[in-house]
Amino acid sequence: MAKVLSMGGVFFRSRDPESLGNWYRRWLGVENEHPHGASFQVTAMPPGGVTVWSPFPSETEYFGPSGQQFMVNLVVDDLDGALEQVRSGGAEVAGREDHDYGSFGWFVDPDGNRVELWQPKLPG
């Protein structure tokens, strides 16, 4: 049986893809090339980091009040620094939590998408 090996990409609509791409480049260092977006190399993932695929119940509040059908999780090397950067870029920061497997923070981007940032806890 054929099986999925990994996440190949996340594709979504934007009112102004170039402007949104430029915002992510400026405030989070996402190197993107229009119109194709950014490519992240597997080797850039910190040790112990994983890509998660997880359906949520339709009534979840985890994605915030926007009613969006999905939420992107971006791995960062400095959660507090990244949250401050997006705040400086005009994003609404929507919380922060620490867990045994890492720290999480959320913000709403210029298109109104709630985005999750994850700083994995490094092994050792």
C-alpha atoms as a PDB file:
ATOM      1  CA  MET A   1       0.000   0.000   0.000  1.00  0.00           C
ATOM      2  CA  ALA A   2       1.282   3.494  -0.823  1.00  0.00           C
ATOM      3  CA  LYS A   3       1.705   5.739   2.220  1.00  0.00           C
ATOM      4  CA  VAL A   4       2.359   9.356   3.063  1.00  0.00           C
ATOM      5  CA  LEU A   5       6.009  10.069   3.937  1.00  0.00           C
ATOM      6  CA  SER A   6       5.814  13.665   5.152  1.00  0.00           C
ATOM      7  CA  MET A   7       4.056  16.986   4.759  1.00  0.00           C
ATOM      8  CA  GLY A   8       4.833  18.398   1.330  1.00  0.00           C
ATOM      9  CA  GLY A   9       3.470  21.892   1.781  1.00  0.00           C
ATOM     10  CA  VAL A  10       0.756  24.187   3.023  1.00  0.00           C
ATOM     11  CA  PHE A  11      -1.167  26.178   0.426  1.00  0.00           C
ATOM     12  CA  PHE A  12      -3.686  28.885   1.238  1.00  0.00           C
ATOM     13  CA  ARG A  13      -5.419  31.901  -0.234  1.00  0.00           C
ATOM     14  CA  SER A  14      -4.474  35.524   0.419  1.00  0.00           C
ATOM     15  CA  ARG A  15      -6.002  38.829  -0.615  1.00  0.00           C
ATOM     16  CA  ASP A  16      -2.494  40.027  -1.519  1.00  0.00           C
ATOM     17  CA  PRO A  17      -0.004  37.115  -1.643  1.00  0.00           C
ATOM     18  CA  GLU A  18       3.021  39.270  -2.446  1.00  0.00           C
ATOM     19  CA  SER A  19       2.368  41.689   0.408  1.00  0.00           C
ATOM     20  CA  LEU A  20       1.723  38.857   2.869  1.00  0.00           C
ATOM     21  CA  GLY A  21       4.899  37.073   1.726  1.00  0.00           C
ATOM     22  CA  ASN A  22       6.869  40.265   2.215  1.00  0.00           C
ATOM     23  CA  TRP A  23       5.407  40.681   5.738  1.00  0.00           C
ATOM     24  CA  TYR A  24       6.534  37.152   6.702  1.00  0.00           C
ATOM     25  CA  ARG A  25       9.978  37.845   5.204  1.00  0.00           C
ATOM     26  CA  ARG A  26      10.394  41.082   7.166  1.00  0.00           C
ATOM     27  CA  TRP A  27       9.024  39.984  10.531  1.00  0.00           C
ATOM     28  CA  LEU A  28       9.913  36.248  10.675  1.00  0.00           C
ATOM     29  CA  GLY A  29      12.717  35.846   8.143  1.00  0.00           C
ATOM     30  CA  VAL A  30      10.726  33.566   5.818  1.00  0.00           C
ATOM     31  CA  GLU A  31      12.709  33.645   2.583  1.00  0.00           C
ATOM     32  CA  ASN A  32      10.076  33.383  -0.115  1.00  0.00           C
ATOM     33  CA  GLU A  33       9.986  33.824  -3.856  1.00  0.00           C
ATOM     34  CA  HIS A  34       6.721  34.883  -5.467  1.00  0.00           C
ATOM     35  CA  PRO A  35       4.521  33.300  -6.590  1.00  0.00           C
ATOM     36  CA  HIS A  36       5.719  30.015  -5.140  1.00  0.00           C
ATOM     37  CA  GLY A  37       6.297  30.833  -1.473  1.00  0.00           C
ATOM     38  CA  ALA A  38       9.044  29.417   0.730  1.00  0.00           C
ATOM     39  CA  SER A  39      10.776  26.046   0.868  1.00  0.00           C
ATOM     40  CA  PHE A  40      11.944  24.713   4.220  1.00  0.00           C
ATOM     41  CA  GLN A  41      14.676  22.064   4.229  1.00  0.00           C
ATOM     42  CA  VAL A  42      14.195  19.040   6.484  1.00  0.00           C
ATOM     43  CA  THR A  43      17.741  19.543   7.802  1.00  0.00           C
ATOM     44  CA  ALA A  44      16.716  22.936   9.250  1.00  0.00           C
ATOM     45  CA  MET A  45      14.374  21.252  11.746  1.00  0.00           C
ATOM     46  CA  PRO A  46      15.875  21.179  15.262  1.00  0.00           C
ATOM     47  CA  PRO A  47      16.749  17.743  16.700  1.00  0.00           C
ATOM     48  CA  GLY A  48      13.580  16.163  18.046  1.00  0.00           C
ATOM     49  CA  GLY A  49      11.346  18.411  15.912  1.00  0.00           C
ATOM     50  CA  VAL A  50       8.514  16.804  13.981  1.00  0.00           C
ATOM     51  CA  THR A  51       5.835  17.785  11.495  1.00  0.00           C
ATOM     52  CA  VAL A  52       2.355  17.108  12.866  1.00  0.00           C
ATOM     53  CA  TRP A  53      -0.779  16.316  10.859  1.00  0.00           C
ATOM     54  CA  SER A  54      -3.802  16.496  13.149  1.00  0.00           C
ATOM     55  CA  PRO A  55      -7.503  16.861  12.353  1.00  0.00           C
ATOM     56  CA  PHE A  56      -9.394  18.775  15.042  1.00  0.00           C
ATOM     57  CA  PRO A  57     -13.129  18.602  15.830  1.00  0.00           C
ATOM     58  CA  SER A  58     -15.138  21.094  13.758  1.00  0.00           C
ATOM     59  CA  GLU A  59     -16.180  22.985  16.904  1.00  0.00           C
ATOM     60  CA  THR A  60     -12.590  23.545  18.146  1.00  0.00           C
ATOM     61  CA  GLU A  61     -11.716  26.965  19.511  1.00  0.00           C
ATOM     62  CA  TYR A  62      -7.989  26.249  19.168  1.00  0.00           C
ATOM     63  CA  PHE A  63      -7.795  28.110  15.842  1.00  0.00           C
ATOM     64  CA  GLY A  64      -9.203  31.284  17.382  1.00  0.00           C
ATOM     65  CA  PRO A  65     -12.431  33.122  16.643  1.00  0.00           C
ATOM     66  CA  SER A  66     -11.814  33.628  12.894  1.00  0.00           C
ATOM     67  CA  GLY A  67     -13.646  30.488  11.751  1.00  0.00           C
ATOM     68  CA  GLN A  68     -10.616  29.420   9.680  1.00  0.00           C
ATOM     69  CA  GLN A  69     -10.495  25.767   8.684  1.00  0.00           C
ATOM     70  CA  PHE A  70      -6.787  25.237   9.363  1.00  0.00           C
ATOM     71  CA  MET A  71      -3.904  26.724  11.291  1.00  0.00           C
ATOM     72  CA  VAL A  72      -0.253  26.749  10.226  1.00  0.00           C
ATOM     73  CA  ASN A  73       2.383  25.913  12.835  1.00  0.00           C
ATOM     74  CA  LEU A  74       5.838  27.388  12.187  1.00  0.00           C
ATOM     75  CA  VAL A  75       8.932  26.131  14.022  1.00  0.00           C
ATOM     76  CA  VAL A  76      11.072  28.963  15.429  1.00  0.00           C
ATOM     77  CA  ASP A  77      14.427  29.158  17.212  1.00  0.00           C
ATOM     78  CA  ASP A  78      13.392  31.950  19.622  1.00  0.00           C
ATOM     79  CA  LEU A  79       9.685  32.064  20.466  1.00  0.00           C
ATOM     80  CA  ASP A  80       9.771  35.225  22.559  1.00  0.00           C
ATOM     81  CA  GLY A  81      11.850  37.036  19.950  1.00  0.00           C
ATOM     82  CA  ALA A  82       9.530  35.902  17.143  1.00  0.00           C
ATOM     83  CA  LEU A  83       6.424  37.025  19.043  1.00  0.00           C
ATOM     84  CA  GLU A  84       7.981  40.436  19.656  1.00  0.00           C
ATOM     85  CA  GLN A  85       8.912  40.729  15.979  1.00  0.00           C
ATOM     86  CA  VAL A  86       5.394  39.985  14.715  1.00  0.00           C
ATOM     87  CA  ARG A  87       3.970  42.364  17.326  1.00  0.00           C
ATOM     88  CA  SER A  88       6.319  45.052  15.973  1.00  0.00           C
ATOM     89  CA  GLY A  89       4.981  44.235  12.513  1.00  0.00           C
ATOM     90  CA  GLY A  90       1.429  44.980  13.612  1.00  0.00           C
ATOM     91  CA  ALA A  91       0.241  41.429  14.330  1.00  0.00           C
ATOM     92  CA  GLU A  92      -2.019  40.710  17.278  1.00  0.00           C
ATOM     93  CA  VAL A  93      -0.226  38.305  19.643  1.00  0.00           C
ATOM     94  CA  ALA A  94      -2.811  35.870  20.961  1.00  0.00           C
ATOM     95  CA  GLY A  95      -1.054  34.011  23.776  1.00  0.00           C
ATOM     96  CA  ARG A  96       1.885  31.863  24.798  1.00  0.00           C
ATOM     97  CA  GLU A  97       2.227  28.490  26.586  1.00  0.00           C
ATOM     98  CA  ASP A  98       5.050  26.235  27.761  1.00  0.00           C
ATOM     99  CA  HIS A  99       4.845  22.419  27.672  1.00  0.00           C
ATOM    100  CA  ASP A 100       7.236  19.494  28.216  1.00  0.00           C
ATOM    101  CA  TYR A 101       7.778  19.249  24.431  1.00  0.00           C
ATOM    102  CA  GLY A 102       8.273  22.964  23.768  1.00  0.00           C
ATOM    103  CA  SER A 103       6.786  26.438  23.900  1.00  0.00           C
ATOM    104  CA  PHE A 104       3.963  27.785  21.746  1.00  0.00           C
ATOM    105  CA  GLY A 105       2.738  31.235  20.846  1.00  0.00           C
ATOM    106  CA  TRP A 106      -0.007  32.475  18.552  1.00  0.00           C
ATOM    107  CA  PHE A 107      -0.547  35.576  16.467  1.00  0.00           C
ATOM    108  CA  VAL A 108      -2.959  36.851  13.844  1.00  0.00           C
ATOM    109  CA  ASP A 109      -1.250  37.825  10.578  1.00  0.00           C
ATOM    110  CA  PRO A 110      -2.224  40.757   8.308  1.00  0.00           C
ATOM    111  CA  ASP A 111      -4.717  38.531   6.426  1.00  0.00           C
ATOM    112  CA  GLY A 112      -6.464  37.572   9.685  1.00  0.00           C
ATOM    113  CA  ASN A 113      -4.992  34.033   9.885  1.00  0.00           C
ATOM    114  CA  ARG A 114      -4.225  32.718  13.344  1.00  0.00           C
ATOM    115  CA  VAL A 115      -0.715  31.210  13.186  1.00  0.00           C
ATOM    116  CA  GLU A 116       0.994  29.031  15.770  1.00  0.00           C
ATOM    117  CA  LEU A 117       4.707  29.348  16.518  1.00  0.00           C
ATOM    118  CA  TRP A 118       6.515  26.424  18.151  1.00  0.00           C
ATOM    119  CA  GLN A 119       9.949  26.377  19.750  1.00  0.00           C
ATOM    120  CA  PRO A 120      10.583  22.653  20.327  1.00  0.00           C
ATOM    121  CA  LYS A 121      12.296  21.643  23.538  1.00  0.00           C
ATOM    122  CA  LEU A 122      15.715  20.376  22.514  1.00  0.00           C
ATOM    123  CA  PRO A 123      16.756  16.914  23.721  1.00  0.00           C
ATOM    124  CA  GLY A 124      19.205  16.700  26.565  1.00  0.00           C
END
